[in-house]
């Protein structure tokens, strides 16, 4: 397969070893190109140095969580009755196009 090597950052709730093991059973060629890592979680000392306490999002992970929250606002994606992956992908793209148009109209 002609795909570049990529690293996917995961939340602390995921287990990269287990995920890699299971995906290698299904996609062995692709899994040679993909590496999973847990995103860094700021320590208590790092939070104190920044003058923050409580929940502090990791920069790389926050992009994913924010995108998932935006998709949750699209009513068309609440229930997935699509029979093909291309139809589901189209609905997902439409959700982001709608979001982009709303943001452009506001500015």
C-alpha atoms as a PDB file:
ATOM      1  CA  UNK A   1       0.000   0.000   0.000  1.00  0.00           C
ATOM      2  CA  UNK A   2       1.207   3.470  -0.790  1.00  0.00           C
ATOM      3  CA  UNK A   3       0.367   5.389   2.387  1.00  0.00           C
ATOM      4  CA  UNK A   4       2.752   7.519   4.436  1.00  0.00           C
ATOM      5  CA  UNK A   5       3.853   6.553   7.922  1.00  0.00           C
ATOM      6  CA  UNK A   6       1.642   8.307  10.465  1.00  0.00           C
ATOM      7  CA  UNK A   7       1.337   8.559  14.228  1.00  0.00           C
ATOM      8  CA  UNK A   8      -2.119   8.720  15.803  1.00  0.00           C
ATOM      9  CA  UNK A   9      -2.407  10.285  19.254  1.00  0.00           C
ATOM     10  CA  UNK A  10      -4.875   8.645  21.629  1.00  0.00           C
ATOM     11  CA  UNK A  11      -6.551   9.690  24.859  1.00  0.00           C
ATOM     12  CA  UNK A  12      -5.386   8.219  28.143  1.00  0.00           C
ATOM     13  CA  UNK A  13      -8.466   5.951  28.067  1.00  0.00           C
ATOM     14  CA  UNK A  14      -7.179   3.965  25.075  1.00  0.00           C
ATOM     15  CA  UNK A  15      -4.690   1.123  25.153  1.00  0.00           C
ATOM     16  CA  UNK A  16      -2.394   1.474  22.110  1.00  0.00           C
ATOM     17  CA  UNK A  17      -0.963  -2.042  22.461  1.00  0.00           C
ATOM     18  CA  UNK A  18      -4.400  -3.688  22.400  1.00  0.00           C
ATOM     19  CA  UNK A  19      -5.618  -1.465  19.576  1.00  0.00           C
ATOM     20  CA  UNK A  20      -2.549  -2.241  17.453  1.00  0.00           C
ATOM     21  CA  UNK A  21      -2.893  -5.963  18.116  1.00  0.00           C
ATOM     22  CA  UNK A  22      -6.547  -6.080  17.060  1.00  0.00           C
ATOM     23  CA  UNK A  23      -6.084  -3.917  13.976  1.00  0.00           C
ATOM     24  CA  UNK A  24      -3.122  -6.005  12.805  1.00  0.00           C
ATOM     25  CA  UNK A  25      -5.481  -8.990  12.588  1.00  0.00           C
ATOM     26  CA  UNK A  26      -7.702  -7.111  10.137  1.00  0.00           C
ATOM     27  CA  UNK A  27      -5.300  -4.733   8.334  1.00  0.00           C
ATOM     28  CA  UNK A  28      -1.767  -6.168   8.560  1.00  0.00           C
ATOM     29  CA  UNK A  29      -0.360  -4.183   5.592  1.00  0.00           C
ATOM     30  CA  UNK A  30      -1.687  -0.843   6.803  1.00  0.00           C
ATOM     31  CA  UNK A  31      -0.601  -1.378  10.398  1.00  0.00           C
ATOM     32  CA  UNK A  32       3.048  -1.392   9.323  1.00  0.00           C
ATOM     33  CA  UNK A  33       2.604   2.298   8.510  1.00  0.00           C
ATOM     34  CA  UNK A  34       0.550   3.393  11.533  1.00  0.00           C
ATOM     35  CA  UNK A  35       1.848   3.959  15.057  1.00  0.00           C
ATOM     36  CA  UNK A  36      -0.357   4.772  18.046  1.00  0.00           C
ATOM     37  CA  UNK A  37       0.838   6.903  20.964  1.00  0.00           C
ATOM     38  CA  UNK A  38      -0.905   8.237  24.031  1.00  0.00           C
ATOM     39  CA  UNK A  39      -1.080  12.007  24.044  1.00  0.00           C
ATOM     40  CA  UNK A  40       0.859  13.688  26.799  1.00  0.00           C
ATOM     41  CA  UNK A  41      -1.066  14.608  29.891  1.00  0.00           C
ATOM     42  CA  UNK A  42       0.168  17.701  31.759  1.00  0.00           C
ATOM     43  CA  UNK A  43       1.491  16.862  35.237  1.00  0.00           C
ATOM     44  CA  UNK A  44       0.451  18.690  38.396  1.00  0.00           C
ATOM     45  CA  UNK A  45       3.783  20.528  38.461  1.00  0.00           C
ATOM     46  CA  UNK A  46       3.356  21.677  34.849  1.00  0.00           C
ATOM     47  CA  UNK A  47      -0.155  22.931  35.607  1.00  0.00           C
ATOM     48  CA  UNK A  48       1.085  24.797  38.675  1.00  0.00           C
ATOM     49  CA  UNK A  49       3.893  26.403  36.652  1.00  0.00           C
ATOM     50  CA  UNK A  50       1.309  27.646  34.144  1.00  0.00           C
ATOM     51  CA  UNK A  51      -0.946  28.881  36.955  1.00  0.00           C
ATOM     52  CA  UNK A  52      -3.729  26.445  36.059  1.00  0.00           C
ATOM     53  CA  UNK A  53      -5.570  23.803  38.041  1.00  0.00           C
ATOM     54  CA  UNK A  54      -8.148  21.141  37.286  1.00  0.00           C
ATOM     55  CA  UNK A  55      -8.744  20.026  33.699  1.00  0.00           C
ATOM     56  CA  UNK A  56      -6.157  21.260  31.226  1.00  0.00           C
ATOM     57  CA  UNK A  57      -6.591  19.825  27.721  1.00  0.00           C
ATOM     58  CA  UNK A  58      -3.643  18.424  25.837  1.00  0.00           C
ATOM     59  CA  UNK A  59      -3.168  20.512  22.693  1.00  0.00           C
ATOM     60  CA  UNK A  60      -3.088  17.672  20.158  1.00  0.00           C
ATOM     61  CA  UNK A  61      -5.950  15.762  21.730  1.00  0.00           C
ATOM     62  CA  UNK A  62      -8.218  18.778  22.096  1.00  0.00           C
ATOM     63  CA  UNK A  63      -8.567  19.128  18.308  1.00  0.00           C
ATOM     64  CA  UNK A  64     -10.118  15.663  18.099  1.00  0.00           C
ATOM     65  CA  UNK A  65     -12.472  16.180  21.030  1.00  0.00           C
ATOM     66  CA  UNK A  66     -13.565  19.546  19.651  1.00  0.00           C
ATOM     67  CA  UNK A  67     -14.262  18.025  16.229  1.00  0.00           C
ATOM     68  CA  UNK A  68     -16.308  15.231  17.799  1.00  0.00           C
ATOM     69  CA  UNK A  69     -18.347  17.803  19.736  1.00  0.00           C
ATOM     70  CA  UNK A  70     -19.019  19.759  16.540  1.00  0.00           C
ATOM     71  CA  UNK A  71     -20.182  16.601  14.781  1.00  0.00           C
ATOM     72  CA  UNK A  72     -22.503  15.854  17.709  1.00  0.00           C
ATOM     73  CA  UNK A  73     -24.385  19.075  16.941  1.00  0.00           C
ATOM     74  CA  UNK A  74     -25.337  17.899  13.433  1.00  0.00           C
ATOM     75  CA  UNK A  75     -28.754  16.305  13.698  1.00  0.00           C
ATOM     76  CA  UNK A  76     -28.164  14.338  10.505  1.00  0.00           C
ATOM     77  CA  UNK A  77     -25.393  12.386  12.277  1.00  0.00           C
ATOM     78  CA  UNK A  78     -27.356  11.570  15.451  1.00  0.00           C
ATOM     79  CA  UNK A  79     -28.637   8.317  14.008  1.00  0.00           C
ATOM     80  CA  UNK A  80     -26.599   6.502  11.418  1.00  0.00           C
ATOM     81  CA  UNK A  81     -28.771   4.509   9.042  1.00  0.00           C
ATOM     82  CA  UNK A  82     -26.382   4.661   6.127  1.00  0.00           C
ATOM     83  CA  UNK A  83     -25.808   1.448   4.236  1.00  0.00           C
ATOM     84  CA  UNK A  84     -22.530   2.432   2.624  1.00  0.00           C
ATOM     85  CA  UNK A  85     -19.374   4.073   3.872  1.00  0.00           C
ATOM     86  CA  UNK A  86     -19.490   6.641   1.059  1.00  0.00           C
ATOM     87  CA  UNK A  87     -22.945   7.858   2.160  1.00  0.00           C
ATOM     88  CA  UNK A  88     -21.835   8.150   5.785  1.00  0.00           C
ATOM     89  CA  UNK A  89     -18.675  10.013   4.731  1.00  0.00           C
ATOM     90  CA  UNK A  90     -20.726  12.402   2.616  1.00  0.00           C
ATOM     91  CA  UNK A  91     -22.971  13.219   5.578  1.00  0.00           C
ATOM     92  CA  UNK A  92     -19.912  13.834   7.728  1.00  0.00           C
ATOM     93  CA  UNK A  93     -18.418  16.158   5.110  1.00  0.00           C
ATOM     94  CA  UNK A  94     -21.717  18.032   4.809  1.00  0.00           C
ATOM     95  CA  UNK A  95     -21.688  18.560   8.568  1.00  0.00           C
ATOM     96  CA  UNK A  96     -18.263  20.219   8.397  1.00  0.00           C
ATOM     97  CA  UNK A  97     -19.199  22.276   5.324  1.00  0.00           C
ATOM     98  CA  UNK A  98     -22.256  23.550   7.199  1.00  0.00           C
ATOM     99  CA  UNK A  99     -20.084  24.460  10.177  1.00  0.00           C
ATOM    100  CA  UNK A 100     -17.563  26.231   7.935  1.00  0.00           C
ATOM    101  CA  UNK A 101     -20.308  28.261   6.209  1.00  0.00           C
ATOM    102  CA  UNK A 102     -21.780  29.315   9.564  1.00  0.00           C
ATOM    103  CA  UNK A 103     -18.370  30.472  10.766  1.00  0.00           C
ATOM    104  CA  UNK A 104     -17.660  32.381   7.558  1.00  0.00           C
ATOM    105  CA  UNK A 105     -21.080  34.067   7.659  1.00  0.00           C
ATOM    106  CA  UNK A 106     -20.461  35.213  11.249  1.00  0.00           C
ATOM    107  CA  UNK A 107     -17.202  36.979  10.388  1.00  0.00           C
END
